[in-house]
PDB file of N, CA and C in Angstrom:
ATOM      1  N   MET A   1     159.677 125.026  80.126  1.00  0.00           N
ATOM      2  CA  MET A   1     159.665 123.581  80.239  1.00  0.00           C
ATOM      3  C   MET A   1     160.453 122.956  79.104  1.00  0.00           C
ATOM      4  N   ALA A   2     161.116 121.896  79.422  1.00  0.00           N
ATOM      5  CA  ALA A   2     161.893 121.187  78.405  1.00  0.00           C
ATOM      6  C   ALA A   2     160.966 120.557  77.387  1.00  0.00           C
ATOM      7  N   GLY A   3     161.367 120.608  76.139  1.00  0.00           N
ATOM      8  CA  GLY A   3     160.593 119.967  75.078  1.00  0.00           C
ATOM      9  C   GLY A   3     159.516 120.843  74.466  1.00  0.00           C
ATOM     10  N   LYS A   4     159.215 121.949  75.089  1.00  0.00           N
ATOM     11  CA  LYS A   4     158.195 122.846  74.550  1.00  0.00           C
ATOM     12  C   LYS A   4     158.808 123.730  73.474  1.00  0.00           C
ATOM     13  N   THR A   5     158.031 124.035  72.467  1.00  0.00           N
ATOM     14  CA  THR A   5     158.517 124.887  71.378  1.00  0.00           C
ATOM     15  C   THR A   5     157.732 126.175  71.307  1.00  0.00           C
ATOM     16  N   LYS A   6     157.218 126.625  72.454  1.00  0.00           N
ATOM     17  CA  LYS A   6     156.422 127.846  72.474  1.00  0.00           C
ATOM     18  C   LYS A   6     157.234 129.009  71.913  1.00  0.00           C
ATOM     19  N   GLY A   7     156.652 129.695  70.980  1.00  0.00           N
ATOM     20  CA  GLY A   7     157.313 130.841  70.394  1.00  0.00           C
ATOM     21  C   GLY A   7     158.232 130.500  69.234  1.00  0.00           C
ATOM     22  N   ARG A   8     158.471 129.222  69.007  1.00  0.00           N
ATOM     23  CA  ARG A   8     159.325 128.809  67.883  1.00  0.00           C
ATOM     24  C   ARG A   8     158.478 128.101  66.849  1.00  0.00           C
ATOM     25  N   GLU A   9     158.828 128.322  65.612  1.00  0.00           N
ATOM     26  CA  GLU A   9     158.124 127.627  64.535  1.00  0.00           C
ATOM     27  C   GLU A   9     158.700 126.237  64.366  1.00  0.00           C
ATOM     28  N   ARG A  10     157.834 125.320  63.958  1.00  0.00           N
ATOM     29  CA  ARG A  10     158.302 123.976  63.645  1.00  0.00           C
ATOM     30  C   ARG A  10     159.119 124.034  62.368  1.00  0.00           C
ATOM     31  N   PRO A  11     160.172 123.228  62.283  1.00  0.00           N
ATOM     32  CA  PRO A  11     160.964 123.238  61.044  1.00  0.00           C
ATOM     33  C   PRO A  11     160.124 122.748  59.874  1.00  0.00           C
ATOM     34  N   HIS A  12     160.311 123.370  58.737  1.00  0.00           N
ATOM     35  CA  HIS A  12     159.582 122.982  57.539  1.00  0.00           C
ATOM     36  C   HIS A  12     160.248 121.763  56.907  1.00  0.00           C
ATOM     37  N   SER A  13     159.424 120.831  56.495  1.00  0.00           N
ATOM     38  CA  SER A  13     159.924 119.635  55.825  1.00  0.00           C
ATOM     39  C   SER A  13     160.383 120.001  54.412  1.00  0.00           C
ATOM     40  N   LYS A  14     161.445 119.383  53.977  1.00  0.00           N
ATOM     41  CA  LYS A  14     161.929 119.611  52.614  1.00  0.00           C
ATOM     42  C   LYS A  14     161.246 118.668  51.624  1.00  0.00           C
ATOM     43  N   ARG A  15     160.417 117.775  52.150  1.00  0.00           N
ATOM     44  CA  ARG A  15     159.704 116.826  51.303  1.00  0.00           C
ATOM     45  C   ARG A  15     158.661 117.572  50.468  1.00  0.00           C
ATOM     46  N   LYS A  16     158.644 117.263  49.182  1.00  0.00           N
ATOM     47  CA  LYS A  16     157.671 117.883  48.289  1.00  0.00           C
ATOM     48  C   LYS A  16     156.284 117.313  48.610  1.00  0.00           C
ATOM     49  N   ARG A  17     155.344 118.194  48.791  1.00  0.00           N
ATOM     50  CA  ARG A  17     153.973 117.777  49.115  1.00  0.00           C
ATOM     51  C   ARG A  17     153.067 118.036  47.910  1.00  0.00           C
ATOM     52  N   PRO A  18     152.144 117.125  47.651  1.00  0.00           N
ATOM     53  CA  PRO A  18     151.204 117.359  46.545  1.00  0.00           C
ATOM     54  C   PRO A  18     150.313 118.563  46.865  1.00  0.00           C
ATOM     55  N   THR A  19     150.226 119.497  45.958  1.00  0.00           N
ATOM     56  CA  THR A  19     149.449 120.711  46.207  1.00  0.00           C
ATOM     57  C   THR A  19     147.961 120.519  45.953  1.00  0.00           C
ATOM     58  N   ARG A  20     147.602 119.530  45.159  1.00  0.00           N
ATOM     59  CA  ARG A  20     146.193 119.323  44.814  1.00  0.00           C
ATOM     60  C   ARG A  20     145.550 118.171  45.577  1.00  0.00           C
ATOM     61  N   LEU A  21     146.254 117.582  46.543  1.00  0.00           N
ATOM     62  CA  LEU A  21     145.726 116.417  47.243  1.00  0.00           C
ATOM     63  C   LEU A  21     144.407 116.714  47.948  1.00  0.00           C
ATOM     64  N   GLY A  22     144.344 117.800  48.684  1.00  0.00           N
ATOM     65  CA  GLY A  22     143.111 118.143  49.393  1.00  0.00           C
ATOM     66  C   GLY A  22     141.931 118.293  48.448  1.00  0.00           C
ATOM     67  N   GLU A  23     142.160 118.982  47.359  1.00  0.00           N
ATOM     68  CA  GLU A  23     141.120 119.169  46.327  1.00  0.00           C
ATOM     69  C   GLU A  23     140.658 117.811  45.783  1.00  0.00           C
ATOM     70  N   LYS A  24     141.598 116.921  45.542  1.00  0.00           N
ATOM     71  CA  LYS A  24     141.254 115.603  44.998  1.00  0.00           C
ATOM     72  C   LYS A  24     140.499 114.760  46.020  1.00  0.00           C
ATOM     73  N   LEU A  25     140.866 114.854  47.292  1.00  0.00           N
ATOM     74  CA  LEU A  25     140.157 114.094  48.316  1.00  0.00           C
ATOM     75  C   LEU A  25     138.720 114.583  48.459  1.00  0.00           C
ATOM     76  N   LEU A  26     138.511 115.886  48.373  1.00  0.00           N
ATOM     77  CA  LEU A  26     137.151 116.434  48.397  1.00  0.00           C
ATOM     78  C   LEU A  26     136.367 115.938  47.184  1.00  0.00           C
ATOM     79  N   THR A  27     136.976 115.976  46.016  1.00  0.00           N
ATOM     80  CA  THR A  27     136.323 115.493  44.796  1.00  0.00           C
ATOM     81  C   THR A  27     135.911 114.035  44.949  1.00  0.00           C
ATOM     82  N   ILE A  28     136.789 113.228  45.500  1.00  0.00           N
ATOM     83  CA  ILE A  28     136.476 111.808  45.690  1.00  0.00           C
ATOM     84  C   ILE A  28     135.257 111.646  46.578  1.00  0.00           C
ATOM     85  N   ARG A  29     135.232 112.328  47.712  1.00  0.00           N
ATOM     86  CA  ARG A  29     134.107 112.184  48.638  1.00  0.00           C
ATOM     87  C   ARG A  29     132.800 112.622  47.989  1.00  0.00           C
ATOM     88  N   VAL A  30     132.842 113.759  47.295  1.00  0.00           N
ATOM     89  CA  VAL A  30     131.635 114.293  46.655  1.00  0.00           C
ATOM     90  C   VAL A  30     131.154 113.359  45.546  1.00  0.00           C
ATOM     91  N   LYS A  31     132.070 112.896  44.689  1.00  0.00           N
ATOM     92  CA  LYS A  31     131.667 112.022  43.578  1.00  0.00           C
ATOM     93  C   LYS A  31     131.155 110.669  44.062  1.00  0.00           C
ATOM     94  N   LEU A  32     131.677 110.203  45.191  1.00  0.00           N
ATOM     95  CA  LEU A  32     131.172 108.941  45.744  1.00  0.00           C
ATOM     96  C   LEU A  32     129.865 109.147  46.510  1.00  0.00           C
ATOM     97  N   GLY A  33     129.517 110.413  46.795  1.00  0.00           N
ATOM     98  CA  GLY A  33     128.239 110.733  47.423  1.00  0.00           C
ATOM     99  C   GLY A  33     128.191 110.502  48.922  1.00  0.00           C
ATOM    100  N   PHE A  34     129.309 110.712  49.616  1.00  0.00           N
ATOM    101  CA  PHE A  34     129.348 110.457  51.055  1.00  0.00           C
ATOM    102  C   PHE A  34     129.491 111.743  51.853  1.00  0.00           C
ATOM    103  N   SER A  35     128.891 111.722  53.047  1.00  0.00           N
ATOM    104  CA  SER A  35     129.208 112.739  54.049  1.00  0.00           C
ATOM    105  C   SER A  35     130.588 112.391  54.588  1.00  0.00           C
ATOM    106  N   GLN A  36     131.141 113.244  55.429  1.00  0.00           N
ATOM    107  CA  GLN A  36     132.452 112.935  56.003  1.00  0.00           C
ATOM    108  C   GLN A  36     132.402 111.666  56.849  1.00  0.00           C
ATOM    109  N   GLY A  37     131.375 111.541  57.677  1.00  0.00           N
ATOM    110  CA  GLY A  37     131.215 110.331  58.489  1.00  0.00           C
ATOM    111  C   GLY A  37     130.954 109.106  57.632  1.00  0.00           C
ATOM    112  N   GLY A  38     130.152 109.272  56.591  1.00  0.00           N
ATOM    113  CA  GLY A  38     129.860 108.163  55.688  1.00  0.00           C
ATOM    114  C   GLY A  38     131.108 107.689  54.959  1.00  0.00           C
ATOM    115  N   LEU A  39     131.977 108.619  54.607  1.00  0.00           N
ATOM    116  CA  LEU A  39     133.216 108.251  53.943  1.00  0.00           C
ATOM    117  C   LEU A  39     134.108 107.432  54.874  1.00  0.00           C
ATOM    118  N   ILE A  40     134.194 107.841  56.120  1.00  0.00           N
ATOM    119  CA  ILE A  40     135.008 107.087  57.085  1.00  0.00           C
ATOM    120  C   ILE A  40     134.499 105.654  57.181  1.00  0.00           C
ATOM    121  N   ARG A  41     133.192 105.478  57.254  1.00  0.00           N
ATOM    122  CA  ARG A  41     132.617 104.126  57.315  1.00  0.00           C
ATOM    123  C   ARG A  41     132.912 103.354  56.033  1.00  0.00           C
ATOM    124  N   HIS A  42     132.745 104.012  54.887  1.00  0.00           N
ATOM    125  CA  HIS A  42     132.989 103.359  53.593  1.00  0.00           C
ATOM    126  C   HIS A  42     134.447 102.925  53.453  1.00  0.00           C
ATOM    127  N   LEU A  43     135.354 103.744  53.959  1.00  0.00           N
ATOM    128  CA  LEU A  43     136.776 103.424  53.878  1.00  0.00           C
ATOM    129  C   LEU A  43     137.200 102.400  54.925  1.00  0.00           C
ATOM    130  N   GLY A  44     136.313 102.096  55.863  1.00  0.00           N
ATOM    131  CA  GLY A  44     136.641 101.144  56.923  1.00  0.00           C
ATOM    132  C   GLY A  44     137.601 101.713  57.946  1.00  0.00           C
ATOM    133  N   LEU A  45     137.503 103.011  58.185  1.00  0.00           N
ATOM    134  CA  LEU A  45     138.446 103.680  59.080  1.00  0.00           C
ATOM    135  C   LEU A  45     137.813 104.140  60.389  1.00  0.00           C
ATOM    136  N   GLU A  46     136.649 103.578  60.747  1.00  0.00           N
ATOM    137  CA  GLU A  46     136.040 103.934  62.023  1.00  0.00           C
ATOM    138  C   GLU A  46     137.014 103.575  63.138  1.00  0.00           C
ATOM    139  N   GLY A  47     137.122 104.457  64.114  1.00  0.00           N
ATOM    140  CA  GLY A  47     138.023 104.226  65.232  1.00  0.00           C
ATOM    141  C   GLY A  47     139.472 104.589  64.941  1.00  0.00           C
ATOM    142  N   GLN A  48     139.798 104.848  63.675  1.00  0.00           N
ATOM    143  CA  GLN A  48     141.164 105.228  63.311  1.00  0.00           C
ATOM    144  C   GLN A  48     141.297 106.728  63.079  1.00  0.00           C
ATOM    145  N   ILE A  49     140.279 107.326  62.467  1.00  0.00           N
ATOM    146  CA  ILE A  49     140.300 108.773  62.253  1.00  0.00           C
ATOM    147  C   ILE A  49     138.941 109.342  62.626  1.00  0.00           C
ATOM    148  N   GLU A  50     138.944 110.613  62.984  1.00  0.00           N
ATOM    149  CA  GLU A  50     137.715 111.322  63.341  1.00  0.00           C
ATOM    150  C   GLU A  50     137.183 112.060  62.117  1.00  0.00           C
ATOM    151  N   ARG A  51     135.906 112.396  62.169  1.00  0.00           N
ATOM    152  CA  ARG A  51     135.256 113.075  61.051  1.00  0.00           C
ATOM    153  C   ARG A  51     135.944 114.390  60.709  1.00  0.00           C
ATOM    154  N   ASP A  52     136.406 115.136  61.711  1.00  0.00           N
ATOM    155  CA  ASP A  52     137.034 116.422  61.421  1.00  0.00           C
ATOM    156  C   ASP A  52     138.355 116.259  60.665  1.00  0.00           C
ATOM    157  N   TYR A  53     138.964 115.073  60.721  1.00  0.00           N
ATOM    158  CA  TYR A  53     140.181 114.837  59.943  1.00  0.00           C
ATOM    159  C   TYR A  53     139.886 114.901  58.449  1.00  0.00           C
ATOM    160  N   ILE A  54     138.725 114.390  58.044  1.00  0.00           N
ATOM    161  CA  ILE A  54     138.354 114.420  56.623  1.00  0.00           C
ATOM    162  C   ILE A  54     138.329 115.873  56.145  1.00  0.00           C
ATOM    163  N   SER A  55     137.718 116.746  56.932  1.00  0.00           N
ATOM    164  CA  SER A  55     137.682 118.165  56.592  1.00  0.00           C
ATOM    165  C   SER A  55     139.094 118.742  56.501  1.00  0.00           C
ATOM    166  N   LYS A  56     139.944 118.381  57.438  1.00  0.00           N
ATOM    167  CA  LYS A  56     141.322 118.895  57.435  1.00  0.00           C
ATOM    168  C   LYS A  56     142.120 118.343  56.260  1.00  0.00           C
ATOM    169  N   PHE A  57     141.860 117.109  55.867  1.00  0.00           N
ATOM    170  CA  PHE A  57     142.520 116.550  54.676  1.00  0.00           C
ATOM    171  C   PHE A  57     142.090 117.333  53.445  1.00  0.00           C
ATOM    172  N   GLU A  58     140.773 117.576  53.332  1.00  0.00           N
ATOM    173  CA  GLU A  58     140.224 118.244  52.156  1.00  0.00           C
ATOM    174  C   GLU A  58     140.657 119.707  52.058  1.00  0.00           C
ATOM    175  N   ARG A  59     140.969 120.329  53.181  1.00  0.00           N
ATOM    176  CA  ARG A  59     141.425 121.723  53.191  1.00  0.00           C
ATOM    177  C   ARG A  59     142.947 121.818  53.228  1.00  0.00           C
ATOM    178  N   SER A  60     143.613 120.676  53.094  1.00  0.00           N
ATOM    179  CA  SER A  60     145.081 120.594  53.092  1.00  0.00           C
ATOM    180  C   SER A  60     145.719 121.101  54.379  1.00  0.00           C
ATOM    181  N   ILE A  61     144.995 121.007  55.471  1.00  0.00           N
ATOM    182  CA  ILE A  61     145.549 121.352  56.778  1.00  0.00           C
ATOM    183  C   ILE A  61     146.369 120.178  57.304  1.00  0.00           C
ATOM    184  N   LEU A  62     145.847 118.979  57.112  1.00  0.00           N
ATOM    185  CA  LEU A  62     146.545 117.743  57.474  1.00  0.00           C
ATOM    186  C   LEU A  62     146.768 116.909  56.228  1.00  0.00           C
ATOM    187  N   GLU A  63     147.825 116.147  56.227  1.00  0.00           N
ATOM    188  CA  GLU A  63     148.085 115.216  55.134  1.00  0.00           C
ATOM    189  C   GLU A  63     147.778 113.808  55.644  1.00  0.00           C
ATOM    190  N   PRO A  64     146.942 113.053  54.917  1.00  0.00           N
ATOM    191  CA  PRO A  64     146.588 111.714  55.376  1.00  0.00           C
ATOM    192  C   PRO A  64     147.797 110.783  55.427  1.00  0.00           C
ATOM    193  N   THR A  65     147.712 109.812  56.317  1.00  0.00           N
ATOM    194  CA  THR A  65     148.756 108.792  56.385  1.00  0.00           C
ATOM    195  C   THR A  65     148.655 107.888  55.158  1.00  0.00           C
ATOM    196  N   LEU A  66     149.678 107.101  54.932  1.00  0.00           N
ATOM    197  CA  LEU A  66     149.694 106.217  53.759  1.00  0.00           C
ATOM    198  C   LEU A  66     148.534 105.223  53.779  1.00  0.00           C
ATOM    199  N   ASP A  67     148.182 104.680  54.952  1.00  0.00           N
ATOM    200  CA  ASP A  67     147.075 103.720  54.986  1.00  0.00           C
ATOM    201  C   ASP A  67     145.742 104.386  54.651  1.00  0.00           C
ATOM    202  N   VAL A  68     145.575 105.639  55.032  1.00  0.00           N
ATOM    203  CA  VAL A  68     144.352 106.377  54.685  1.00  0.00           C
ATOM    204  C   VAL A  68     144.326 106.665  53.185  1.00  0.00           C
ATOM    205  N   LEU A  69     145.446 107.090  52.609  1.00  0.00           N
ATOM    206  CA  LEU A  69     145.512 107.320  51.161  1.00  0.00           C
ATOM    207  C   LEU A  69     145.210 106.048  50.383  1.00  0.00           C
ATOM    208  N   LEU A  70     145.730 104.934  50.846  1.00  0.00           N
ATOM    209  CA  LEU A  70     145.465 103.668  50.173  1.00  0.00           C
ATOM    210  C   LEU A  70     143.985 103.306  50.260  1.00  0.00           C
ATOM    211  N   ALA A  71     143.352 103.578  51.389  1.00  0.00           N
ATOM    212  CA  ALA A  71     141.910 103.308  51.525  1.00  0.00           C
ATOM    213  C   ALA A  71     141.119 104.147  50.518  1.00  0.00           C
ATOM    214  N   TYR A  72     141.479 105.421  50.353  1.00  0.00           N
ATOM    215  CA  TYR A  72     140.833 106.269  49.347  1.00  0.00           C
ATOM    216  C   TYR A  72     141.047 105.673  47.948  1.00  0.00           C
ATOM    217  N   ALA A  73     142.286 105.306  47.641  1.00  0.00           N
ATOM    218  CA  ALA A  73     142.603 104.775  46.311  1.00  0.00           C
ATOM    219  C   ALA A  73     141.835 103.491  46.027  1.00  0.00           C
ATOM    220  N   ARG A  74     141.688 102.657  47.018  1.00  0.00           N
ATOM    221  CA  ARG A  74     140.916 101.410  46.839  1.00  0.00           C
ATOM    222  C   ARG A  74     139.436 101.711  46.626  1.00  0.00           C
ATOM    223  N   ALA A  75     138.943 102.754  47.272  1.00  0.00           N
ATOM    224  CA  ALA A  75     137.522 103.105  47.161  1.00  0.00           C
ATOM    225  C   ALA A  75     137.152 103.632  45.787  1.00  0.00           C
ATOM    226  N   ILE A  76     138.099 104.206  45.054  1.00  0.00           N
ATOM    227  CA  ILE A  76     137.747 104.803  43.766  1.00  0.00           C
ATOM    228  C   ILE A  76     138.071 103.900  42.585  1.00  0.00           C
ATOM    229  N   SER A  77     138.533 102.698  42.848  1.00  0.00           N
ATOM    230  CA  SER A  77     138.848 101.755  41.785  1.00  0.00           C
ATOM    231  C   SER A  77     137.814 100.634  41.763  1.00  0.00           C
ATOM    232  N   THR A  78     137.355 100.275  40.578  1.00  0.00           N
ATOM    233  CA  THR A  78     136.399  99.171  40.485  1.00  0.00           C
ATOM    234  C   THR A  78     137.015  97.851  40.925  1.00  0.00           C
ATOM    235  N   SER A  79     138.340  97.737  40.862  1.00  0.00           N
ATOM    236  CA  SER A  79     138.997  96.501  41.286  1.00  0.00           C
ATOM    237  C   SER A  79     139.211  96.465  42.790  1.00  0.00           C
ATOM    238  N   GLY A  80     139.198  97.646  43.446  1.00  0.00           N
ATOM    239  CA  GLY A  80     139.449  97.723  44.876  1.00  0.00           C
ATOM    240  C   GLY A  80     140.906  97.534  45.257  1.00  0.00           C
ATOM    241  N   ARG A  81     141.815  97.627  44.269  1.00  0.00           N
ATOM    242  CA  ARG A  81     143.230  97.384  44.539  1.00  0.00           C
ATOM    243  C   ARG A  81     144.051  98.649  44.714  1.00  0.00           C
ATOM    244  N   GLY A  82     143.502  99.812  44.511  1.00  0.00           N
ATOM    245  CA  GLY A  82     144.223 101.054  44.774  1.00  0.00           C
ATOM    246  C   GLY A  82     145.064 101.581  43.633  1.00  0.00           C
ATOM    247  N   GLU A  83     144.701 101.248  42.407  1.00  0.00           N
ATOM    248  CA  GLU A  83     145.496 101.682  41.247  1.00  0.00           C
ATOM    249  C   GLU A  83     145.563 103.195  41.069  1.00  0.00           C
ATOM    250  N   PHE A  84     144.688 103.941  41.698  1.00  0.00           N
ATOM    251  CA  PHE A  84     144.648 105.386  41.499  1.00  0.00           C
ATOM    252  C   PHE A  84     145.451 106.161  42.537  1.00  0.00           C
ATOM    253  N   LEU A  85     146.254 105.491  43.317  1.00  0.00           N
ATOM    254  CA  LEU A  85     147.067 106.186  44.319  1.00  0.00           C
ATOM    255  C   LEU A  85     147.967 107.230  43.659  1.00  0.00           C
ATOM    256  N   GLU A  86     148.588 106.867  42.556  1.00  0.00           N
ATOM    257  CA  GLU A  86     149.445 107.820  41.842  1.00  0.00           C
ATOM    258  C   GLU A  86     148.646 109.034  41.374  1.00  0.00           C
ATOM    259  N   ALA A  87     147.441 108.812  40.854  1.00  0.00           N
ATOM    260  CA  ALA A  87     146.613 109.923  40.380  1.00  0.00           C
ATOM    261  C   ALA A  87     146.220 110.850  41.532  1.00  0.00           C
ATOM    262  N   MET A  88     146.093 110.290  42.722  1.00  0.00           N
ATOM    263  CA  MET A  88     145.734 111.115  43.866  1.00  0.00           C
ATOM    264  C   MET A  88     146.887 112.012  44.297  1.00  0.00           C
ATOM    265  N   ILE A  89     148.108 111.499  44.289  1.00  0.00           N
ATOM    266  CA  ILE A  89     149.223 112.269  44.846  1.00  0.00           C
ATOM    267  C   ILE A  89     150.060 113.020  43.815  1.00  0.00           C
ATOM    268  N   ASP A  90     149.900 112.697  42.540  1.00  0.00           N
ATOM    269  CA  ASP A  90     150.652 113.392  41.494  1.00  0.00           C
ATOM    270  C   ASP A  90     149.810 114.552  40.972  1.00  0.00           C
ATOM    271  N   ASP A  91     150.280 115.770  41.196  1.00  0.00           N
ATOM    272  CA  ASP A  91     149.527 116.951  40.777  1.00  0.00           C
ATOM    273  C   ASP A  91     149.330 117.028  39.267  1.00  0.00           C
ATOM    274  N   LYS A  92     150.120 116.310  38.507  1.00  0.00           N
ATOM    275  CA  LYS A  92     150.029 116.357  37.045  1.00  0.00           C
ATOM    276  C   LYS A  92     149.008 115.386  36.477  1.00  0.00           C
ATOM    277  N   ILE A  93     148.460 114.513  37.304  1.00  0.00           N
ATOM    278  CA  ILE A  93     147.511 113.507  36.833  1.00  0.00           C
ATOM    279  C   ILE A  93     146.123 113.816  37.385  1.00  0.00           C
ATOM    280  N   LYS A  94     145.137 113.811  36.501  1.00  0.00           N
ATOM    281  CA  LYS A  94     143.749 114.036  36.899  1.00  0.00           C
ATOM    282  C   LYS A  94     143.144 112.755  37.457  1.00  0.00           C
ATOM    283  N   LEU A  95     142.184 112.928  38.345  1.00  0.00           N
ATOM    284  CA  LEU A  95     141.363 111.799  38.771  1.00  0.00           C
ATOM    285  C   LEU A  95     140.418 111.445  37.630  1.00  0.00           C
ATOM    286  N   PRO A  96     139.935 110.212  37.569  1.00  0.00           N
ATOM    287  CA  PRO A  96     138.936 109.868  36.562  1.00  0.00           C
ATOM    288  C   PRO A  96     137.670 110.715  36.746  1.00  0.00           C
ATOM    289  N   GLU A  97     136.970 110.977  35.670  1.00  0.00           N
ATOM    290  CA  GLU A  97     135.736 111.757  35.738  1.00  0.00           C
ATOM    291  C   GLU A  97     134.666 111.031  36.543  1.00  0.00           C
ATOM    292  N   LYS A  98     134.515 109.733  36.309  1.00  0.00           N
ATOM    293  CA  LYS A  98     133.496 108.934  36.982  1.00  0.00           C
ATOM    294  C   LYS A  98     134.183 108.059  38.019  1.00  0.00           C
ATOM    295  N   LEU A  99     133.640 108.066  39.243  1.00  0.00           N
ATOM    296  CA  LEU A  99     134.191 107.243  40.321  1.00  0.00           C
ATOM    297  C   LEU A  99     133.104 106.378  40.925  1.00  0.00           C
ATOM    298  N   PRO A 100     133.392 105.148  41.297  1.00  0.00           N
ATOM    299  CA  PRO A 100     134.629 104.415  41.068  1.00  0.00           C
ATOM    300  C   PRO A 100     134.859 104.178  39.584  1.00  0.00           C
ATOM    301  N   ALA A 101     136.121 103.991  39.236  1.00  0.00           N
ATOM    302  CA  ALA A 101     136.515 103.897  37.835  1.00  0.00           C
ATOM    303  C   ALA A 101     137.240 102.592  37.549  1.00  0.00           C
ATOM    304  N   ASP A 102     137.236 102.249  36.272  1.00  0.00           N
ATOM    305  CA  ASP A 102     137.964 101.072  35.778  1.00  0.00           C
ATOM    306  C   ASP A 102     139.381 101.511  35.480  1.00  0.00           C
ATOM    307  N   PRO A 103     140.377 101.036  36.217  1.00  0.00           N
ATOM    308  CA  PRO A 103     141.751 101.538  36.077  1.00  0.00           C
ATOM    309  C   PRO A 103     142.347 101.507  34.675  1.00  0.00           C
ATOM    310  N   PRO A 104     142.276 100.422  33.936  1.00  0.00           N
ATOM    311  CA  PRO A 104     142.957 100.418  32.642  1.00  0.00           C
ATOM    312  C   PRO A 104     142.445 101.478  31.656  1.00  0.00           C
ATOM    313  N   LYS A 105     141.213 101.888  31.793  1.00  0.00           N
ATOM    314  CA  LYS A 105     140.621 102.815  30.834  1.00  0.00           C
ATOM    315  C   LYS A 105     140.624 104.261  31.315  1.00  0.00           C
ATOM    316  N   SER A 106     140.947 104.505  32.577  1.00  0.00           N
ATOM    317  CA  SER A 106     140.697 105.817  33.148  1.00  0.00           C
ATOM    318  C   SER A 106     141.908 106.643  33.500  1.00  0.00           C
ATOM    319  N   ILE A 107     143.072 106.065  33.651  1.00  0.00           N
ATOM    320  CA  ILE A 107     144.224 106.834  34.068  1.00  0.00           C
ATOM    321  C   ILE A 107     144.773 107.611  32.877  1.00  0.00           C
ATOM    322  N   SER A 108     144.808 108.944  33.018  1.00  0.00           N
ATOM    323  CA  SER A 108     145.309 109.767  31.917  1.00  0.00           C
ATOM    324  C   SER A 108     146.039 110.968  32.478  1.00  0.00           C
ATOM    325  N   PRO A 109     147.034 111.481  31.738  1.00  0.00           N
ATOM    326  CA  PRO A 109     147.749 112.667  32.195  1.00  0.00           C
ATOM    327  C   PRO A 109     146.842 113.892  32.200  1.00  0.00           C
ATOM    328  N   ARG A 110     147.248 114.871  32.907  1.00  0.00           N
ATOM    329  CA  ARG A 110     146.486 116.106  33.030  1.00  0.00           C
ATOM    330  C   ARG A 110     146.388 116.723  31.702  1.00  0.00           C
TER     331      ARG A 110
END
């Protein structure tokens, strides 16, 4: 059939992907004290993503869309403005120890 790629691998993207993103997303959920379903509700993403997506994000099987990443970043900031987006996607930057965190005092290099 036309359009099918059975037996062929999908081309690999040359875009650099954060290697620690899944680990950081799991840390965020655990530190905020949410189940996967509870996190979806907290992020305001009901109807947009399914609970199993959270598991796939945390295991680095799927990479969240930008709007989902921004929702995570807003959830871990005391201001709710998403200042920690860079800390989430940059493997060299640690997440704050305590979440939600105050951005000016918490962003630090690894």
